[in-house]
Amino acid sequence: MDAIRPYIAAVSGVKNSGKTTFLEKLIPELKKRGYRTAVLKHDGHEFQADTEGTDTFRLRQAGAFGTCIFSGSRWMAVKEQPDSSPEELAKLFPEADVILAEGLKGSGYPKFEIVRGEISKESVCDPATLLALVTDTGIKIAGIPSVGLEDIGKCANILQKRIEKYKKQKKI
């Protein structure tokens, strides 16, 4: 029997809405509940993965399409590859129970959407994909839970139910 692939969900919202801050709170809560969590962060712009002057940066500048640095306890790879998908990247974390993709507001993944009043006033995601609106505003969408920005436990409960349902469906 093949291993169960990790459950993938997104944390979405407009730029600077607080997605990373939300993840910084949700990940320890999921860890406390026994879930191994990995994060895929989508960047709408080309990011610089290596720091100028490092050996791996120099080797990429020399023409290597990929580099990997590793030690006894961790590794990091940089690879030039257009059109990488979250499903493909999720394979890097087969031991994860859940993979949270930061961004991907236009995707079909189930998602928490962050709507922080000082940045945005309305939802920008397809309501059919929302696990919950995480907000400090009065915004409501029929049939979608609206959760406070600090109510991480409630968000973890919503996600835990989805993960457990997913795992049961995938067992043969």
C-alpha atoms as a PDB file:
ATOM      1  CA  MET A   1       0.000   0.000   0.000  1.00  0.00           C
ATOM      2  CA  ASP A   2       1.297   3.462  -0.887  1.00  0.00           C
ATOM      3  CA  ALA A   3       1.812   6.000   1.864  1.00  0.00           C
ATOM      4  CA  ILE A   4      -0.956   8.525   2.329  1.00  0.00           C
ATOM      5  CA  ARG A   5       0.021  11.839   0.786  1.00  0.00           C
ATOM      6  CA  PRO A   6      -0.107  14.825   3.112  1.00  0.00           C
ATOM      7  CA  TYR A   7      -3.285  16.887   3.249  1.00  0.00           C
ATOM      8  CA  ILE A   8      -2.727  20.230   1.501  1.00  0.00           C
ATOM      9  CA  ALA A   9      -4.501  23.430   2.539  1.00  0.00           C
ATOM     10  CA  ALA A  10      -3.718  27.060   1.827  1.00  0.00           C
ATOM     11  CA  VAL A  11      -3.509  30.200   3.902  1.00  0.00           C
ATOM     12  CA  SER A  12      -4.458  32.999   1.555  1.00  0.00           C
ATOM     13  CA  GLY A  13      -5.263  36.689   1.478  1.00  0.00           C
ATOM     14  CA  VAL A  14      -4.038  39.895  -0.067  1.00  0.00           C
ATOM     15  CA  LYS A  15      -0.430  40.991   0.354  1.00  0.00           C
ATOM     16  CA  ASN A  16       0.490  41.938   3.941  1.00  0.00           C
ATOM     17  CA  SER A  17      -2.763  40.570   5.353  1.00  0.00           C
ATOM     18  CA  GLY A  18      -0.951  38.499   7.998  1.00  0.00           C
ATOM     19  CA  LYS A  19      -0.608  35.072   6.396  1.00  0.00           C
ATOM     20  CA  THR A  20       2.860  34.379   7.827  1.00  0.00           C
ATOM     21  CA  THR A  21       1.853  35.636  11.280  1.00  0.00           C
ATOM     22  CA  PHE A  22      -1.170  33.329  11.197  1.00  0.00           C
ATOM     23  CA  LEU A  23       1.023  30.386  10.181  1.00  0.00           C
ATOM     24  CA  GLU A  24       3.498  31.172  12.979  1.00  0.00           C
ATOM     25  CA  LYS A  25       0.630  30.639  15.432  1.00  0.00           C
ATOM     26  CA  LEU A  26      -1.116  27.726  13.703  1.00  0.00           C
ATOM     27  CA  ILE A  27       1.976  25.543  13.211  1.00  0.00           C
ATOM     28  CA  PRO A  28       2.813  25.215  16.954  1.00  0.00           C
ATOM     29  CA  GLU A  29      -0.835  24.407  17.685  1.00  0.00           C
ATOM     30  CA  LEU A  30      -0.816  21.657  15.060  1.00  0.00           C
ATOM     31  CA  LYS A  31       2.515  20.368  16.392  1.00  0.00           C
ATOM     32  CA  LYS A  32       1.051  20.243  19.905  1.00  0.00           C
ATOM     33  CA  ARG A  33      -1.742  18.074  18.481  1.00  0.00           C
ATOM     34  CA  GLY A  34       0.802  15.679  16.974  1.00  0.00           C
ATOM     35  CA  TYR A  35       0.766  16.820  13.342  1.00  0.00           C
ATOM     36  CA  ARG A  36       3.947  17.177  11.309  1.00  0.00           C
ATOM     37  CA  THR A  37       3.479  20.323   9.251  1.00  0.00           C
ATOM     38  CA  ALA A  38       5.442  21.612   6.274  1.00  0.00           C
ATOM     39  CA  VAL A  39       4.937  24.925   4.487  1.00  0.00           C
ATOM     40  CA  LEU A  40       5.160  25.818   0.814  1.00  0.00           C
ATOM     41  CA  LYS A  41       5.429  29.582   0.416  1.00  0.00           C
ATOM     42  CA  HIS A  42       4.363  30.938  -2.941  1.00  0.00           C
ATOM     43  CA  ASP A  43       6.089  34.115  -4.084  1.00  0.00           C
ATOM     44  CA  GLY A  44       4.457  35.988  -6.938  1.00  0.00           C
ATOM     45  CA  HIS A  45       7.810  37.521  -7.809  1.00  0.00           C
ATOM     46  CA  GLU A  46      11.163  35.900  -8.470  1.00  0.00           C
ATOM     47  CA  PHE A  47      12.900  35.539  -5.131  1.00  0.00           C
ATOM     48  CA  GLN A  48      16.593  35.252  -4.387  1.00  0.00           C
ATOM     49  CA  ALA A  49      17.094  31.858  -2.733  1.00  0.00           C
ATOM     50  CA  ASP A  50      20.816  32.140  -2.070  1.00  0.00           C
ATOM     51  CA  THR A  51      22.731  34.926  -0.393  1.00  0.00           C
ATOM     52  CA  GLU A  52      25.310  36.617  -2.548  1.00  0.00           C
ATOM     53  CA  GLY A  53      28.780  35.398  -1.692  1.00  0.00           C
ATOM     54  CA  THR A  54      27.814  31.927  -0.437  1.00  0.00           C
ATOM     55  CA  ASP A  55      29.325  28.922  -2.168  1.00  0.00           C
ATOM     56  CA  THR A  56      25.962  27.742  -3.489  1.00  0.00           C
ATOM     57  CA  PHE A  57      25.214  31.223  -4.885  1.00  0.00           C
ATOM     58  CA  ARG A  58      28.589  31.256  -6.615  1.00  0.00           C
ATOM     59  CA  LEU A  59      27.988  27.794  -8.091  1.00  0.00           C
ATOM     60  CA  ARG A  60      24.572  28.820  -9.439  1.00  0.00           C
ATOM     61  CA  GLN A  61      26.156  31.951 -10.903  1.00  0.00           C
ATOM     62  CA  ALA A  62      28.675  29.659 -12.587  1.00  0.00           C
ATOM     63  CA  GLY A  63      25.822  27.902 -14.372  1.00  0.00           C
ATOM     64  CA  ALA A  64      24.610  25.053 -12.162  1.00  0.00           C
ATOM     65  CA  PHE A  65      20.847  24.622 -12.654  1.00  0.00           C
ATOM     66  CA  GLY A  66      20.592  23.346  -9.090  1.00  0.00           C
ATOM     67  CA  THR A  67      22.501  23.250  -5.845  1.00  0.00           C
ATOM     68  CA  CYS A  68      22.008  21.467  -2.559  1.00  0.00           C
ATOM     69  CA  ILE A  69      23.692  22.211   0.730  1.00  0.00           C
ATOM     70  CA  PHE A  70      23.405  19.765   3.608  1.00  0.00           C
ATOM     71  CA  SER A  71      24.709  18.973   7.059  1.00  0.00           C
ATOM     72  CA  GLY A  72      24.047  16.211   9.539  1.00  0.00           C
ATOM     73  CA  SER A  73      20.580  17.540  10.368  1.00  0.00           C
ATOM     74  CA  ARG A  74      19.200  19.589   7.438  1.00  0.00           C
ATOM     75  CA  TRP A  75      19.436  20.334   3.766  1.00  0.00           C
ATOM     76  CA  MET A  76      18.339  23.014   1.337  1.00  0.00           C
ATOM     77  CA  ALA A  77      18.071  22.728  -2.425  1.00  0.00           C
ATOM     78  CA  VAL A  78      17.679  25.407  -5.062  1.00  0.00           C
ATOM     79  CA  LYS A  79      16.629  24.269  -8.515  1.00  0.00           C
ATOM     80  CA  GLU A  80      15.737  26.219 -11.628  1.00  0.00           C
ATOM     81  CA  GLN A  81      12.489  24.620 -12.788  1.00  0.00           C
ATOM     82  CA  PRO A  82       9.604  26.550 -14.313  1.00  0.00           C
ATOM     83  CA  ASP A  83       6.009  25.803 -13.386  1.00  0.00           C
ATOM     84  CA  SER A  84       6.543  23.826 -10.187  1.00  0.00           C
ATOM     85  CA  SER A  85       3.234  22.772  -8.661  1.00  0.00           C
ATOM     86  CA  PRO A  86       2.348  22.429  -4.980  1.00  0.00           C
ATOM     87  CA  GLU A  87       1.603  18.726  -5.576  1.00  0.00           C
ATOM     88  CA  GLU A  88       5.089  18.217  -6.975  1.00  0.00           C
ATOM     89  CA  LEU A  89       6.747  20.169  -4.167  1.00  0.00           C
ATOM     90  CA  ALA A  90       4.689  18.317  -1.541  1.00  0.00           C
ATOM     91  CA  LYS A  91       6.617  15.177  -2.500  1.00  0.00           C
ATOM     92  CA  LEU A  92       9.617  16.738  -0.746  1.00  0.00           C
ATOM     93  CA  PHE A  93       7.774  16.186   2.553  1.00  0.00           C
ATOM     94  CA  PRO A  94       6.370  12.633   2.478  1.00  0.00           C
ATOM     95  CA  GLU A  95       6.501  12.398   6.264  1.00  0.00           C
ATOM     96  CA  ALA A  96       4.230  15.432   6.721  1.00  0.00           C
ATOM     97  CA  ASP A  97       0.643  15.046   7.875  1.00  0.00           C
ATOM     98  CA  VAL A  98      -0.324  18.427   6.480  1.00  0.00           C
ATOM     99  CA  ILE A  99       1.235  20.884   4.075  1.00  0.00           C
ATOM    100  CA  LEU A 100       0.162  24.490   4.332  1.00  0.00           C
ATOM    101  CA  ALA A 101       0.651  26.547   1.194  1.00  0.00           C
ATOM    102  CA  GLU A 102       1.038  30.241   1.910  1.00  0.00           C
ATOM    103  CA  GLY A 103      -0.617  32.234  -0.857  1.00  0.00           C
ATOM    104  CA  LEU A 104      -2.403  30.552  -3.782  1.00  0.00           C
ATOM    105  CA  LYS A 105      -5.596  32.553  -3.269  1.00  0.00           C
ATOM    106  CA  GLY A 106      -6.824  31.610  -6.751  1.00  0.00           C
ATOM    107  CA  SER A 107      -6.256  27.876  -6.240  1.00  0.00           C
ATOM    108  CA  GLY A 108      -8.829  25.193  -5.601  1.00  0.00           C
ATOM    109  CA  TYR A 109      -7.165  24.141  -2.343  1.00  0.00           C
ATOM    110  CA  PRO A 110      -9.239  24.382   0.820  1.00  0.00           C
ATOM    111  CA  LYS A 111      -8.079  27.521   2.566  1.00  0.00           C
ATOM    112  CA  PHE A 112      -8.161  29.892   5.441  1.00  0.00           C
ATOM    113  CA  GLU A 113      -8.473  33.413   4.097  1.00  0.00           C
ATOM    114  CA  ILE A 114      -6.981  36.195   6.180  1.00  0.00           C
ATOM    115  CA  VAL A 115      -8.960  39.448   5.963  1.00  0.00           C
ATOM    116  CA  ARG A 116      -7.350  42.052   8.233  1.00  0.00           C
ATOM    117  CA  GLY A 117      -9.301  45.313   8.356  1.00  0.00           C
ATOM    118  CA  GLU A 118      -6.372  47.688   8.009  1.00  0.00           C
ATOM    119  CA  ILE A 119      -5.302  45.908   4.789  1.00  0.00           C
ATOM    120  CA  SER A 120      -8.473  44.542   3.169  1.00  0.00           C
ATOM    121  CA  LYS A 121     -12.213  44.753   3.652  1.00  0.00           C
ATOM    122  CA  GLU A 122     -13.509  41.864   1.565  1.00  0.00           C
ATOM    123  CA  SER A 123     -12.813  38.289   0.609  1.00  0.00           C
ATOM    124  CA  VAL A 124     -10.817  37.723  -2.576  1.00  0.00           C
ATOM    125  CA  CYS A 125     -11.055  33.905  -2.624  1.00  0.00           C
ATOM    126  CA  ASP A 126     -13.691  31.656  -4.135  1.00  0.00           C
ATOM    127  CA  PRO A 127     -16.104  30.947  -1.245  1.00  0.00           C
ATOM    128  CA  ALA A 128     -16.367  27.307  -2.375  1.00  0.00           C
ATOM    129  CA  THR A 129     -12.717  26.821  -1.315  1.00  0.00           C
ATOM    130  CA  LEU A 130     -12.891  28.471   2.115  1.00  0.00           C
ATOM    131  CA  LEU A 131     -12.434  26.535   5.338  1.00  0.00           C
ATOM    132  CA  ALA A 132     -12.932  29.802   7.225  1.00  0.00           C
ATOM    133  CA  LEU A 133     -12.508  33.555   7.064  1.00  0.00           C
ATOM    134  CA  VAL A 134      -9.927  34.595   9.642  1.00  0.00           C
ATOM    135  CA  THR A 135     -10.662  38.233  10.290  1.00  0.00           C
ATOM    136  CA  ASP A 136     -10.909  41.218  12.590  1.00  0.00           C
ATOM    137  CA  THR A 137     -13.745  42.662  10.492  1.00  0.00           C
ATOM    138  CA  GLY A 138     -17.467  41.981  10.478  1.00  0.00           C
ATOM    139  CA  ILE A 139     -17.268  40.306   7.066  1.00  0.00           C
ATOM    140  CA  LYS A 140     -19.518  37.283   6.679  1.00  0.00           C
ATOM    141  CA  ILE A 141     -20.068  34.792   3.880  1.00  0.00           C
ATOM    142  CA  ALA A 142     -23.086  32.496   4.171  1.00  0.00           C
ATOM    143  CA  GLY A 143     -22.078  28.991   5.228  1.00  0.00           C
ATOM    144  CA  ILE A 144     -18.438  29.914   5.946  1.00  0.00           C
ATOM    145  CA  PRO A 145     -17.176  30.161   9.539  1.00  0.00           C
ATOM    146  CA  SER A 146     -15.805  33.570  10.480  1.00  0.00           C
ATOM    147  CA  VAL A 147     -13.006  33.261  13.044  1.00  0.00           C
ATOM    148  CA  GLY A 148     -11.053  35.929  14.922  1.00  0.00           C
ATOM    149  CA  LEU A 149      -7.405  36.517  14.024  1.00  0.00           C
ATOM    150  CA  GLU A 150      -6.308  35.171  17.415  1.00  0.00           C
ATOM    151  CA  ASP A 151      -8.655  32.163  17.539  1.00  0.00           C
ATOM    152  CA  ILE A 152      -5.984  29.699  16.453  1.00  0.00           C
ATOM    153  CA  GLY A 153      -7.533  26.816  18.396  1.00  0.00           C
ATOM    154  CA  LYS A 154     -10.766  27.060  16.406  1.00  0.00           C
ATOM    155  CA  CYS A 155      -8.795  27.152  13.141  1.00  0.00           C
ATOM    156  CA  ALA A 156      -6.780  24.119  14.246  1.00  0.00           C
ATOM    157  CA  ASN A 157     -10.031  22.297  15.076  1.00  0.00           C
ATOM    158  CA  ILE A 158     -11.393  23.010  11.575  1.00  0.00           C
ATOM    159  CA  LEU A 159      -8.172  21.794   9.966  1.00  0.00           C
ATOM    160  CA  GLN A 160      -7.875  18.745  12.236  1.00  0.00           C
ATOM    161  CA  LYS A 161     -11.356  17.560  11.187  1.00  0.00           C
ATOM    162  CA  ARG A 162     -10.369  17.896   7.528  1.00  0.00           C
ATOM    163  CA  ILE A 163      -7.050  16.084   7.994  1.00  0.00           C
ATOM    164  CA  GLU A 164      -8.662  13.176   9.844  1.00  0.00           C
ATOM    165  CA  LYS A 165     -11.463  12.862   7.260  1.00  0.00           C
ATOM    166  CA  TYR A 166      -8.849  12.926   4.470  1.00  0.00           C
ATOM    167  CA  LYS A 167      -6.759  10.220   6.154  1.00  0.00           C
ATOM    168  CA  LYS A 168      -9.811   7.950   6.578  1.00  0.00           C
ATOM    169  CA  GLN A 169     -10.812   8.401   2.926  1.00  0.00           C
ATOM    170  CA  LYS A 170      -7.300   7.553   1.701  1.00  0.00           C
ATOM    171  CA  LYS A 171      -6.932   4.304   3.658  1.00  0.00           C
ATOM    172  CA  ILE A 172      -7.452   1.185   1.599  1.00  0.00           C
END
